[in-house]
Amino acid sequence: MAKKISIAIDGPAGAGKSTIAKRLAKELGYMYVDTGAIYRTVAYFFDLWGVAPKDIDGITRYIDELNIAIEYDEEGVQHMIMNGIDVTDDIRTPEISQKASLVSAHAIVRDMLLDMQRDVAKQYDVIMDGRDIGTVVLPKATVKIFLTASAEVRAQRRCDELNAKGMKANYNQVLKDIQQRDYQDTHREVAPLKMCRDSVKLDTSDLDIDGVIAAMKDIIQKKVAK
């Protein structure tokens, strides 16, 4: 069986990783794996149980009650299934996003999900995005890209995204949330967000989505051709 191609996209919250990765996967014919959605599902589960994201005792006590599965619809869109229920839309809130960052800092949570993510990469050509894909989940990925943008640009993009969904967004609050998320992600003890040595850094602050896609295709083509 031919070795599968894996593209690891890491970067801070709001850098556009999911949006870019989805489109890139569709254009290249790869499977897209949104790891952020997986951790949001975990956070949502514990939120329903009333377990605080820093409560390691509560997380340890109830984690065996959680069953997570990834399903793809006919369009290739990833759906998160929590204990048999599709929670794909429920997990997309700023509150759950913040809690996901805290929950993902626990080794017991990351260890539970690590094999799930790696198994997908063994079965398919994948584009996987998150915080530690190139450093921890797929350290031998074919291509590693670190996607970033200024906090201000990311905050505006997140506001536009929320407003488009009919959700009110306050720019200053969103910026504060993103800065807090950046701090949490880069300072956690387990698998902190950082760019690995063999990653290609791509700053999208001054690029539109077509520009980002073109730049990433160029990076991928050069790496895969080697």
C-alpha atoms as a PDB file:
ATOM      1  CA  MET A   1       0.000   0.000   0.000  1.00  0.00           C
ATOM      2  CA  ALA A   2       1.383   3.404  -0.988  1.00  0.00           C
ATOM      3  CA  LYS A   3       2.459   5.646   1.841  1.00  0.00           C
ATOM      4  CA  LYS A   4      -0.168   8.244   2.651  1.00  0.00           C
ATOM      5  CA  ILE A   5       0.536  11.962   2.382  1.00  0.00           C
ATOM      6  CA  SER A   6      -0.095  13.987   5.517  1.00  0.00           C
ATOM      7  CA  ILE A   7      -0.192  17.775   5.696  1.00  0.00           C
ATOM      8  CA  ALA A   8       0.028  19.268   9.185  1.00  0.00           C
ATOM      9  CA  ILE A   9      -1.280  22.806   9.633  1.00  0.00           C
ATOM     10  CA  ASP A  10      -0.625  24.422  13.004  1.00  0.00           C
ATOM     11  CA  GLY A  11      -1.163  27.933  14.248  1.00  0.00           C
ATOM     12  CA  PRO A  12      -2.979  30.139  16.739  1.00  0.00           C
ATOM     13  CA  ALA A  13      -6.740  30.532  17.157  1.00  0.00           C
ATOM     14  CA  GLY A  14      -8.450  32.485  14.395  1.00  0.00           C
ATOM     15  CA  ALA A  15      -5.642  32.125  11.858  1.00  0.00           C
ATOM     16  CA  GLY A  16      -8.086  30.600   9.386  1.00  0.00           C
ATOM     17  CA  LYS A  17      -6.709  27.072   9.629  1.00  0.00           C
ATOM     18  CA  SER A  18     -10.059  25.295   9.405  1.00  0.00           C
ATOM     19  CA  THR A  19     -11.437  27.402   6.552  1.00  0.00           C
ATOM     20  CA  ILE A  20      -8.232  27.069   4.544  1.00  0.00           C
ATOM     21  CA  ALA A  21      -7.712  23.383   5.311  1.00  0.00           C
ATOM     22  CA  LYS A  22     -11.275  22.474   4.285  1.00  0.00           C
ATOM     23  CA  ARG A  23     -10.976  24.148   0.913  1.00  0.00           C
ATOM     24  CA  LEU A  24      -7.456  22.855   0.337  1.00  0.00           C
ATOM     25  CA  ALA A  25      -8.512  19.301   1.144  1.00  0.00           C
ATOM     26  CA  LYS A  26     -11.421  19.528  -1.285  1.00  0.00           C
ATOM     27  CA  GLU A  27      -9.234  20.880  -4.092  1.00  0.00           C
ATOM     28  CA  LEU A  28      -6.480  18.314  -3.527  1.00  0.00           C
ATOM     29  CA  GLY A  29      -8.833  15.392  -2.881  1.00  0.00           C
ATOM     30  CA  TYR A  30      -7.549  14.805   0.661  1.00  0.00           C
ATOM     31  CA  MET A  31      -9.463  14.002   3.838  1.00  0.00           C
ATOM     32  CA  TYR A  32      -9.775  16.986   6.180  1.00  0.00           C
ATOM     33  CA  VAL A  33      -9.399  16.440   9.925  1.00  0.00           C
ATOM     34  CA  ASP A  34     -10.366  19.363  12.168  1.00  0.00           C
ATOM     35  CA  THR A  35      -8.713  18.452  15.476  1.00  0.00           C
ATOM     36  CA  GLY A  36      -9.987  21.633  17.097  1.00  0.00           C
ATOM     37  CA  ALA A  37     -13.520  20.288  16.663  1.00  0.00           C
ATOM     38  CA  ILE A  38     -12.485  17.109  18.452  1.00  0.00           C
ATOM     39  CA  TYR A  39     -11.305  19.045  21.497  1.00  0.00           C
ATOM     40  CA  ARG A  40     -14.372  21.270  21.381  1.00  0.00           C
ATOM     41  CA  THR A  41     -16.469  18.109  21.545  1.00  0.00           C
ATOM     42  CA  VAL A  42     -14.606  17.018  24.671  1.00  0.00           C
ATOM     43  CA  ALA A  43     -15.107  20.459  26.214  1.00  0.00           C
ATOM     44  CA  TYR A  44     -18.802  20.404  25.304  1.00  0.00           C
ATOM     45  CA  PHE A  45     -19.222  16.990  26.924  1.00  0.00           C
ATOM     46  CA  PHE A  46     -17.712  18.110  30.225  1.00  0.00           C
ATOM     47  CA  ASP A  47     -19.648  21.372  30.067  1.00  0.00           C
ATOM     48  CA  LEU A  48     -22.892  19.375  29.895  1.00  0.00           C
ATOM     49  CA  TRP A  49     -21.768  17.352  32.905  1.00  0.00           C
ATOM     50  CA  GLY A  50     -20.945  20.541  34.822  1.00  0.00           C
ATOM     51  CA  VAL A  51     -17.247  19.669  35.037  1.00  0.00           C
ATOM     52  CA  ALA A  52     -14.951  22.711  34.908  1.00  0.00           C
ATOM     53  CA  PRO A  53     -12.207  22.509  32.243  1.00  0.00           C
ATOM     54  CA  LYS A  54      -9.465  22.728  34.901  1.00  0.00           C
ATOM     55  CA  ASP A  55     -11.063  20.092  37.144  1.00  0.00           C
ATOM     56  CA  ILE A  56      -8.712  17.193  36.418  1.00  0.00           C
ATOM     57  CA  ASP A  57     -10.368  14.996  39.050  1.00  0.00           C
ATOM     58  CA  GLY A  58     -13.787  15.452  37.440  1.00  0.00           C
ATOM     59  CA  ILE A  59     -12.358  14.917  33.949  1.00  0.00           C
ATOM     60  CA  THR A  60     -10.606  11.735  35.070  1.00  0.00           C
ATOM     61  CA  ARG A  61     -13.807  10.505  36.729  1.00  0.00           C
ATOM     62  CA  TYR A  62     -16.102  10.990  33.715  1.00  0.00           C
ATOM     63  CA  ILE A  63     -13.845  10.650  30.672  1.00  0.00           C
ATOM     64  CA  ASP A  64     -14.700   6.962  30.239  1.00  0.00           C
ATOM     65  CA  GLU A  65     -18.341   8.020  29.705  1.00  0.00           C
ATOM     66  CA  LEU A  66     -17.326   9.899  26.561  1.00  0.00           C
ATOM     67  CA  ASN A  67     -17.367   8.299  23.140  1.00  0.00           C
ATOM     68  CA  ILE A  68     -16.237  10.410  20.187  1.00  0.00           C
ATOM     69  CA  ALA A  69     -16.489   9.552  16.506  1.00  0.00           C
ATOM     70  CA  ILE A  70     -15.787  11.439  13.292  1.00  0.00           C
ATOM     71  CA  GLU A  71     -18.129  11.045  10.346  1.00  0.00           C
ATOM     72  CA  TYR A  72     -18.028  12.651   6.911  1.00  0.00           C
ATOM     73  CA  ASP A  73     -21.071  13.550   4.843  1.00  0.00           C
ATOM     74  CA  GLU A  74     -21.370  13.332   1.065  1.00  0.00           C
ATOM     75  CA  GLU A  75     -19.686  16.721   0.699  1.00  0.00           C
ATOM     76  CA  GLY A  76     -16.714  15.568   2.774  1.00  0.00           C
ATOM     77  CA  VAL A  77     -17.723  17.800   5.691  1.00  0.00           C
ATOM     78  CA  GLN A  78     -16.569  16.537   9.072  1.00  0.00           C
ATOM     79  CA  HIS A  79     -19.237  15.887  11.692  1.00  0.00           C
ATOM     80  CA  MET A  80     -18.494  15.359  15.369  1.00  0.00           C
ATOM     81  CA  ILE A  81     -20.495  12.588  17.004  1.00  0.00           C
ATOM     82  CA  MET A  82     -20.609  12.601  20.811  1.00  0.00           C
ATOM     83  CA  ASN A  83     -22.132   9.477  22.363  1.00  0.00           C
ATOM     84  CA  GLY A  84     -24.180   8.948  19.208  1.00  0.00           C
ATOM     85  CA  ILE A  85     -25.325  12.589  18.878  1.00  0.00           C
ATOM     86  CA  ASP A  86     -24.182  14.994  16.149  1.00  0.00           C
ATOM     87  CA  VAL A  87     -22.873  18.059  18.036  1.00  0.00           C
ATOM     88  CA  THR A  88     -21.117  19.712  15.093  1.00  0.00           C
ATOM     89  CA  ASP A  89     -23.081  22.975  15.387  1.00  0.00           C
ATOM     90  CA  ASP A  90     -23.322  22.998  19.196  1.00  0.00           C
ATOM     91  CA  ILE A  91     -19.545  23.168  19.733  1.00  0.00           C
ATOM     92  CA  ARG A  92     -18.987  26.328  17.661  1.00  0.00           C
ATOM     93  CA  THR A  93     -19.265  28.999  20.354  1.00  0.00           C
ATOM     94  CA  PRO A  94     -16.580  31.293  21.835  1.00  0.00           C
ATOM     95  CA  GLU A  95     -17.248  29.837  25.290  1.00  0.00           C
ATOM     96  CA  ILE A  96     -16.659  26.250  24.184  1.00  0.00           C
ATOM     97  CA  SER A  97     -13.586  27.385  22.230  1.00  0.00           C
ATOM     98  CA  GLN A  98     -12.038  28.823  25.408  1.00  0.00           C
ATOM     99  CA  LYS A  99     -12.906  25.716  27.400  1.00  0.00           C
ATOM    100  CA  ALA A 100     -11.464  23.484  24.675  1.00  0.00           C
ATOM    101  CA  SER A 101      -8.107  25.227  25.070  1.00  0.00           C
ATOM    102  CA  LEU A 102      -8.119  24.475  28.801  1.00  0.00           C
ATOM    103  CA  VAL A 103      -9.392  20.900  28.470  1.00  0.00           C
ATOM    104  CA  SER A 104      -6.799  20.106  25.802  1.00  0.00           C
ATOM    105  CA  ALA A 105      -4.013  20.954  28.252  1.00  0.00           C
ATOM    106  CA  HIS A 106      -4.661  17.721  30.176  1.00  0.00           C
ATOM    107  CA  ALA A 107      -2.482  14.768  29.203  1.00  0.00           C
ATOM    108  CA  ILE A 108      -5.317  12.289  29.854  1.00  0.00           C
ATOM    109  CA  VAL A 109      -7.448  14.028  27.212  1.00  0.00           C
ATOM    110  CA  ARG A 110      -4.686  14.307  24.610  1.00  0.00           C
ATOM    111  CA  ASP A 111      -3.619  10.684  25.099  1.00  0.00           C
ATOM    112  CA  MET A 112      -7.198   9.505  24.569  1.00  0.00           C
ATOM    113  CA  LEU A 113      -7.452  11.320  21.228  1.00  0.00           C
ATOM    114  CA  LEU A 114      -3.952  10.778  19.874  1.00  0.00           C
ATOM    115  CA  ASP A 115      -4.508   7.329  18.369  1.00  0.00           C
ATOM    116  CA  MET A 116      -7.815   8.441  16.805  1.00  0.00           C
ATOM    117  CA  GLN A 117      -6.057  11.230  14.923  1.00  0.00           C
ATOM    118  CA  ARG A 118      -3.093   9.094  13.850  1.00  0.00           C
ATOM    119  CA  ASP A 119      -5.341   6.269  12.639  1.00  0.00           C
ATOM    120  CA  VAL A 120      -7.100   8.611  10.205  1.00  0.00           C
ATOM    121  CA  ALA A 121      -3.709   9.681   8.805  1.00  0.00           C
ATOM    122  CA  LYS A 122      -2.755   6.026   8.272  1.00  0.00           C
ATOM    123  CA  GLN A 123      -5.904   5.367   6.242  1.00  0.00           C
ATOM    124  CA  TYR A 124      -6.141   8.484   4.077  1.00  0.00           C
ATOM    125  CA  ASP A 125      -4.170  11.319   2.522  1.00  0.00           C
ATOM    126  CA  VAL A 126      -5.015  13.974   5.098  1.00  0.00           C
ATOM    127  CA  ILE A 127      -4.870  17.637   5.885  1.00  0.00           C
ATOM    128  CA  MET A 128      -4.981  17.980   9.649  1.00  0.00           C
ATOM    129  CA  ASP A 129      -5.047  21.277  11.501  1.00  0.00           C
ATOM    130  CA  GLY A 130      -4.615  22.145  15.166  1.00  0.00           C
ATOM    131  CA  ARG A 131      -2.018  23.328  17.682  1.00  0.00           C
ATOM    132  CA  ASP A 132       0.405  20.400  17.915  1.00  0.00           C
ATOM    133  CA  ILE A 133      -0.084  18.424  14.713  1.00  0.00           C
ATOM    134  CA  GLY A 134       3.467  18.830  13.416  1.00  0.00           C
ATOM    135  CA  THR A 135       5.101  18.621  16.830  1.00  0.00           C
ATOM    136  CA  VAL A 136       3.164  15.771  18.481  1.00  0.00           C
ATOM    137  CA  VAL A 137       0.341  14.181  16.477  1.00  0.00           C
ATOM    138  CA  LEU A 138       2.111  13.765  13.115  1.00  0.00           C
ATOM    139  CA  PRO A 139       5.793  14.523  13.751  1.00  0.00           C
ATOM    140  CA  LYS A 140       6.709  12.813  10.465  1.00  0.00           C
ATOM    141  CA  ALA A 141       4.102  14.643   8.371  1.00  0.00           C
ATOM    142  CA  THR A 142       4.962  15.044   4.696  1.00  0.00           C
ATOM    143  CA  VAL A 143       4.366  18.798   4.877  1.00  0.00           C
ATOM    144  CA  LYS A 144       4.211  21.077   7.921  1.00  0.00           C
ATOM    145  CA  ILE A 145       2.832  24.605   7.680  1.00  0.00           C
ATOM    146  CA  PHE A 146       2.550  27.133  10.502  1.00  0.00           C
ATOM    147  CA  LEU A 147      -0.352  29.417   9.613  1.00  0.00           C
ATOM    148  CA  THR A 148      -0.543  32.689  11.516  1.00  0.00           C
ATOM    149  CA  ALA A 149      -1.764  36.310  11.421  1.00  0.00           C
ATOM    150  CA  SER A 150      -1.736  39.257  13.809  1.00  0.00           C
ATOM    151  CA  ALA A 151      -4.106  39.052  16.787  1.00  0.00           C
ATOM    152  CA  GLU A 152      -5.975  42.104  15.486  1.00  0.00           C
ATOM    153  CA  VAL A 153      -6.573  40.560  12.063  1.00  0.00           C
ATOM    154  CA  ARG A 154      -7.657  37.273  13.626  1.00  0.00           C
ATOM    155  CA  ALA A 155     -10.083  39.083  15.920  1.00  0.00           C
ATOM    156  CA  GLN A 156     -11.693  40.908  13.005  1.00  0.00           C
ATOM    157  CA  ARG A 157     -12.017  37.687  11.034  1.00  0.00           C
ATOM    158  CA  ARG A 158     -13.642  35.954  13.989  1.00  0.00           C
ATOM    159  CA  CYS A 159     -16.102  38.854  14.401  1.00  0.00           C
ATOM    160  CA  ASP A 160     -17.005  38.674  10.722  1.00  0.00           C
ATOM    161  CA  GLU A 161     -17.515  34.914  11.021  1.00  0.00           C
ATOM    162  CA  LEU A 162     -19.777  35.223  14.073  1.00  0.00           C
ATOM    163  CA  ASN A 163     -21.763  38.091  12.560  1.00  0.00           C
ATOM    164  CA  ALA A 164     -22.302  36.060   9.394  1.00  0.00           C
ATOM    165  CA  LYS A 165     -23.871  33.360  11.570  1.00  0.00           C
ATOM    166  CA  GLY A 166     -26.196  35.893  13.161  1.00  0.00           C
ATOM    167  CA  MET A 167     -24.255  35.962  16.435  1.00  0.00           C
ATOM    168  CA  LYS A 168     -23.383  39.347  17.947  1.00  0.00           C
ATOM    169  CA  ALA A 169     -19.659  39.930  18.313  1.00  0.00           C
ATOM    170  CA  ASN A 170     -17.807  42.667  20.180  1.00  0.00           C
ATOM    171  CA  TYR A 171     -14.401  43.259  18.583  1.00  0.00           C
ATOM    172  CA  ASN A 172     -12.613  44.241  21.800  1.00  0.00           C
ATOM    173  CA  GLN A 173     -13.941  41.208  23.645  1.00  0.00           C
ATOM    174  CA  VAL A 174     -13.069  38.881  20.764  1.00  0.00           C
ATOM    175  CA  LEU A 175      -9.540  40.338  20.639  1.00  0.00           C
ATOM    176  CA  LYS A 176      -9.172  39.822  24.389  1.00  0.00           C
ATOM    177  CA  ASP A 177     -10.399  36.222  24.049  1.00  0.00           C
ATOM    178  CA  ILE A 178      -7.922  35.518  21.253  1.00  0.00           C
ATOM    179  CA  GLN A 179      -5.015  36.990  23.219  1.00  0.00           C
ATOM    180  CA  GLN A 180      -6.018  34.881  26.217  1.00  0.00           C
ATOM    181  CA  ARG A 181      -6.307  31.795  24.022  1.00  0.00           C
ATOM    182  CA  ASP A 182      -2.851  32.483  22.563  1.00  0.00           C
ATOM    183  CA  TYR A 183      -1.391  32.658  26.066  1.00  0.00           C
ATOM    184  CA  GLN A 184      -3.117  29.446  27.143  1.00  0.00           C
ATOM    185  CA  ASP A 185      -2.056  27.555  24.032  1.00  0.00           C
ATOM    186  CA  THR A 186       1.599  28.626  24.143  1.00  0.00           C
ATOM    187  CA  HIS A 187       2.110  28.271  27.907  1.00  0.00           C
ATOM    188  CA  ARG A 188       0.452  24.945  28.677  1.00  0.00           C
ATOM    189  CA  GLU A 189       2.745  22.175  29.908  1.00  0.00           C
ATOM    190  CA  VAL A 190       1.380  19.487  27.596  1.00  0.00           C
ATOM    191  CA  ALA A 191       1.936  19.947  23.840  1.00  0.00           C
ATOM    192  CA  PRO A 192       2.108  23.772  23.756  1.00  0.00           C
ATOM    193  CA  LEU A 193       1.594  25.645  20.497  1.00  0.00           C
ATOM    194  CA  LYS A 194       4.944  26.230  18.823  1.00  0.00           C
ATOM    195  CA  MET A 195       6.400  26.148  15.355  1.00  0.00           C
ATOM    196  CA  CYS A 196       8.655  23.158  14.723  1.00  0.00           C
ATOM    197  CA  ARG A 197      11.931  23.520  12.871  1.00  0.00           C
ATOM    198  CA  ASP A 198      10.770  21.861   9.676  1.00  0.00           C
ATOM    199  CA  SER A 199       7.560  23.916   9.388  1.00  0.00           C
ATOM    200  CA  VAL A 200       7.055  26.581   6.740  1.00  0.00           C
ATOM    201  CA  LYS A 201       5.653  29.766   8.302  1.00  0.00           C
ATOM    202  CA  LEU A 202       2.897  31.529   6.388  1.00  0.00           C
ATOM    203  CA  ASP A 203       1.573  34.857   7.677  1.00  0.00           C
ATOM    204  CA  THR A 204      -1.899  35.475   6.250  1.00  0.00           C
ATOM    205  CA  SER A 205      -2.450  38.969   7.701  1.00  0.00           C
ATOM    206  CA  ASP A 206      -2.288  40.637   4.284  1.00  0.00           C
ATOM    207  CA  LEU A 207      -3.632  37.768   2.174  1.00  0.00           C
ATOM    208  CA  ASP A 208      -7.161  36.929   1.114  1.00  0.00           C
ATOM    209  CA  ILE A 209      -8.294  33.310   1.040  1.00  0.00           C
ATOM    210  CA  ASP A 210      -7.309  32.801  -2.612  1.00  0.00           C
ATOM    211  CA  GLY A 211      -3.835  34.157  -1.867  1.00  0.00           C
ATOM    212  CA  VAL A 212      -3.421  31.809   1.090  1.00  0.00           C
ATOM    213  CA  ILE A 213      -4.602  28.793  -0.918  1.00  0.00           C
ATOM    214  CA  ALA A 214      -2.187  29.602  -3.753  1.00  0.00           C
ATOM    215  CA  ALA A 215       0.733  30.012  -1.334  1.00  0.00           C
ATOM    216  CA  MET A 216      -0.058  26.754   0.448  1.00  0.00           C
ATOM    217  CA  LYS A 217      -0.410  24.802  -2.788  1.00  0.00           C
ATOM    218  CA  ASP A 218       3.013  26.074  -3.802  1.00  0.00           C
ATOM    219  CA  ILE A 219       4.522  24.965  -0.468  1.00  0.00           C
ATOM    220  CA  ILE A 220       2.870  21.540  -0.688  1.00  0.00           C
ATOM    221  CA  GLN A 221       3.878  20.959  -4.295  1.00  0.00           C
ATOM    222  CA  LYS A 222       7.529  21.703  -3.543  1.00  0.00           C
ATOM    223  CA  LYS A 223       7.588  19.455  -0.469  1.00  0.00           C
ATOM    224  CA  VAL A 224       5.696  16.515  -1.982  1.00  0.00           C
ATOM    225  CA  ALA A 225       7.853  16.606  -5.130  1.00  0.00           C
ATOM    226  CA  LYS A 226      11.049  16.001  -3.134  1.00  0.00           C
END
